[in-house]
Amino acid sequence: MTDVGLMSYYLGLEVKQMEDGIFISQESYTKEILKKFNMLDCNPMNTPMESGTEFSKFDEGEKVDPTLFKSHVGSLRYLTCTRTNILYAVGVVSHFMEAPSSTHLKVARRILRYLKGMTEFGLFYSSSNDFNLMRYCDSDYRGDIYDRKRTTGFVFFLGDSVISWSSKK
């Protein structure tokens, strides 16, 4: 075996090991997808999605190329590995993969604009001795207006570090 030193990059994840913990991010990948979709010079947004906005599968807006839209959403889904703050918005956008309209593409592009303002964000796992397990969960019992399924989600913290999360319909 050969010792190659501390891990710094693994499966697209950037790993920075420090005295007080480990920081995992996808800063390079975020910049790469901003470049791929010509959004390096866009204005950043404060939120990934407007609050209270509802979208329709039967949106009468101009239809867009489904392959381009799927590429947008697929890139965003990979970012949810380290960016829990976009998980809900990406889940909403994922519902419109079959017949996306210009409205749906605008929402996907807004998520990219949100990421533009915080490319350096990620997950920090501290090396503290606080092993207090905390969990939070939420559920949307109103559900999707088309198939009446609800959305549920949870997040688990060990100390002040996120160790597991999920959001699903």
Protein backbone atom coordinates (compact mmCIF):
# COMPACT_ATOMS: atom_id res chain seq x y z
CA MET A 1 0.00 0.00 0.00
CA THR A 2 1.01 3.56 -0.59
CA ASP A 3 0.13 6.48 1.67
CA VAL A 4 -1.00 9.31 -0.61
CA GLY A 5 -1.75 11.70 2.25
CA LEU A 6 -5.01 13.29 3.32
CA MET A 7 -8.01 12.92 1.06
CA SER A 8 -8.79 16.13 -0.80
CA TYR A 9 -11.08 15.04 -3.65
CA TYR A 10 -13.39 12.02 -3.86
CA LEU A 11 -16.13 11.34 -6.47
CA GLY A 12 -16.55 15.03 -7.21
CA LEU A 13 -16.60 16.02 -3.55
CA GLU A 14 -13.96 18.40 -2.28
CA VAL A 15 -12.76 17.41 1.19
CA LYS A 16 -10.85 19.81 3.45
CA GLN A 17 -9.56 18.24 6.65
CA MET A 18 -8.79 20.71 9.43
CA GLU A 19 -8.08 20.62 13.16
CA ASP A 20 -11.67 21.42 14.12
CA GLY A 21 -13.36 19.12 11.59
CA ILE A 22 -13.94 18.15 7.98
CA PHE A 23 -15.55 20.37 5.35
CA ILE A 24 -17.12 18.72 2.28
CA SER A 25 -18.26 20.83 -0.67
CA GLN A 26 -18.84 20.76 -4.41
CA GLU A 27 -17.55 24.23 -5.22
CA SER A 28 -15.77 23.20 -8.43
CA TYR A 29 -18.77 21.23 -9.66
CA THR A 30 -21.09 24.17 -8.91
CA LYS A 31 -18.90 26.49 -10.97
CA GLU A 32 -18.72 23.85 -13.71
CA ILE A 33 -22.51 23.60 -14.08
CA LEU A 34 -22.89 27.39 -13.96
CA LYS A 35 -20.44 27.53 -16.86
CA LYS A 36 -22.20 24.65 -18.67
CA PHE A 37 -25.53 26.48 -18.60
CA ASN A 38 -24.01 29.93 -19.36
CA MET A 39 -24.82 31.38 -15.95
CA LEU A 40 -21.38 32.35 -14.65
CA ASP A 41 -22.24 36.05 -15.00
CA CYS A 42 -25.82 35.86 -13.69
CA ASN A 43 -27.09 37.85 -10.72
CA PRO A 44 -27.37 35.71 -7.56
CA MET A 45 -30.70 35.15 -5.79
CA ASN A 46 -31.36 34.96 -2.05
CA THR A 47 -33.69 31.94 -2.20
CA PRO A 48 -33.77 28.88 -4.47
CA MET A 49 -37.52 29.20 -5.11
CA GLU A 50 -40.25 31.74 -4.47
CA SER A 51 -42.32 30.89 -1.42
CA GLY A 52 -45.90 29.72 -2.00
CA THR A 53 -45.54 29.32 -5.75
CA GLU A 54 -47.44 26.42 -7.29
CA PHE A 55 -46.60 24.93 -10.66
CA SER A 56 -48.71 22.93 -13.06
CA LYS A 57 -47.84 19.96 -15.23
CA PHE A 58 -50.24 21.47 -17.74
CA ASP A 59 -48.53 24.85 -17.91
CA GLU A 60 -49.48 26.59 -21.14
CA GLY A 61 -46.08 28.25 -21.48
CA GLU A 62 -43.73 27.60 -24.35
CA LYS A 63 -42.35 24.04 -24.29
CA VAL A 64 -38.59 23.64 -23.88
CA ASP A 65 -36.19 20.90 -24.91
CA PRO A 66 -36.72 18.03 -22.40
CA THR A 67 -33.09 16.90 -22.80
CA LEU A 68 -31.79 20.33 -21.75
CA PHE A 69 -34.22 20.43 -18.83
CA LYS A 70 -33.23 16.92 -17.70
CA SER A 71 -29.58 17.95 -17.87
CA HIS A 72 -30.36 20.95 -15.62
CA VAL A 73 -32.25 18.85 -13.10
CA GLY A 74 -29.74 16.00 -13.13
CA SER A 75 -26.90 18.42 -12.41
CA LEU A 76 -28.87 19.95 -9.56
CA ARG A 77 -29.77 16.54 -8.12
CA TYR A 78 -26.08 15.65 -7.87
CA LEU A 79 -25.47 18.87 -5.94
CA THR A 80 -27.95 17.84 -3.25
CA CYS A 81 -25.22 15.52 -1.88
CA THR A 82 -23.72 18.49 -0.08
CA ARG A 83 -26.36 21.18 -0.53
CA THR A 84 -29.39 20.26 1.58
CA ASN A 85 -30.72 23.80 1.17
CA ILE A 86 -31.74 23.13 -2.46
CA LEU A 87 -33.25 19.68 -1.87
CA TYR A 88 -36.88 20.80 -1.76
CA ALA A 89 -36.64 23.11 -4.78
CA VAL A 90 -34.89 20.44 -6.87
CA GLY A 91 -37.58 17.94 -5.86
CA VAL A 92 -40.31 20.31 -7.06
CA VAL A 93 -38.58 20.92 -10.39
CA SER A 94 -38.08 17.16 -10.86
CA HIS A 95 -41.85 16.69 -11.18
CA PHE A 96 -41.87 18.32 -14.61
CA MET A 97 -39.29 16.24 -16.49
CA GLU A 98 -41.67 14.79 -19.08
CA ALA A 99 -43.07 17.98 -20.59
CA PRO A 100 -41.18 20.99 -19.22
CA SER A 101 -42.25 24.51 -20.13
CA SER A 102 -40.38 27.80 -20.04
CA THR A 103 -41.83 28.42 -16.57
CA HIS A 104 -40.29 25.20 -15.25
CA LEU A 105 -36.94 26.06 -16.85
CA LYS A 106 -37.03 29.49 -15.17
CA VAL A 107 -37.41 27.79 -11.79
CA ALA A 108 -34.45 25.49 -12.51
CA ARG A 109 -32.39 28.48 -13.61
CA ARG A 110 -33.38 30.35 -10.44
CA ILE A 111 -31.86 27.51 -8.39
CA LEU A 112 -28.64 27.96 -10.37
CA ARG A 113 -28.78 31.72 -9.68
CA TYR A 114 -29.18 30.92 -5.98
CA LEU A 115 -26.13 28.66 -6.13
CA LYS A 116 -24.13 31.42 -7.86
CA GLY A 117 -24.28 33.48 -4.66
CA MET A 118 -22.99 30.68 -2.45
CA THR A 119 -20.70 28.38 -4.44
CA GLU A 120 -18.42 27.82 -1.44
CA PHE A 121 -21.15 26.37 0.84
CA GLY A 122 -21.06 22.72 1.92
CA LEU A 123 -21.24 20.40 4.91
CA PHE A 124 -19.04 20.79 7.99
CA TYR A 125 -18.48 17.86 10.32
CA SER A 126 -16.95 19.17 13.52
CA SER A 127 -14.63 17.16 15.69
CA SER A 128 -16.45 18.15 18.88
CA ASN A 129 -17.42 15.70 21.60
CA ASP A 130 -21.11 16.69 21.42
CA PHE A 131 -22.89 13.47 20.44
CA ASN A 132 -26.42 14.72 21.01
CA LEU A 133 -28.69 13.18 18.34
CA MET A 134 -31.39 15.57 17.08
CA ARG A 135 -33.98 15.05 14.37
CA TYR A 136 -36.48 17.23 12.58
CA CYS A 137 -39.23 16.17 10.23
CA ASP A 138 -42.04 17.78 8.32
CA SER A 139 -44.83 16.69 6.05
CA ASP A 140 -47.05 18.39 3.49
CA TYR A 141 -50.41 16.72 4.06
CA ARG A 142 -52.14 18.82 1.44
CA GLY A 143 -50.17 16.97 -1.16
CA ASP A 144 -49.70 17.37 -4.86
CA ILE A 145 -52.81 18.75 -6.55
CA TYR A 146 -52.54 16.19 -9.37
CA ASP A 147 -51.88 12.87 -7.66
CA ARG A 148 -52.74 13.78 -4.03
CA LYS A 149 -49.49 12.40 -2.66
CA ARG A 150 -47.79 14.21 0.19
CA THR A 151 -44.18 15.30 0.54
CA THR A 152 -42.26 14.33 3.67
CA GLY A 153 -38.77 15.14 4.79
CA PHE A 154 -36.37 14.71 7.66
CA VAL A 155 -32.91 15.70 8.80
CA PHE A 156 -30.73 14.12 11.52
CA PHE A 157 -27.96 15.95 13.36
CA LEU A 158 -25.23 14.40 15.48
CA GLY A 159 -24.03 17.33 17.54
CA ASP A 160 -24.03 20.21 15.08
CA SER A 161 -23.30 18.07 11.99
CA VAL A 162 -25.91 16.79 9.54
CA ILE A 163 -25.59 13.03 9.19
CA SER A 164 -28.72 12.09 7.21
CA TRP A 165 -31.52 13.83 5.33
CA SER A 166 -34.29 13.02 2.92
CA SER A 167 -37.20 14.58 1.12
CA LYS A 168 -39.58 12.47 -0.90
CA LYS A 169 -43.05 12.43 -2.33
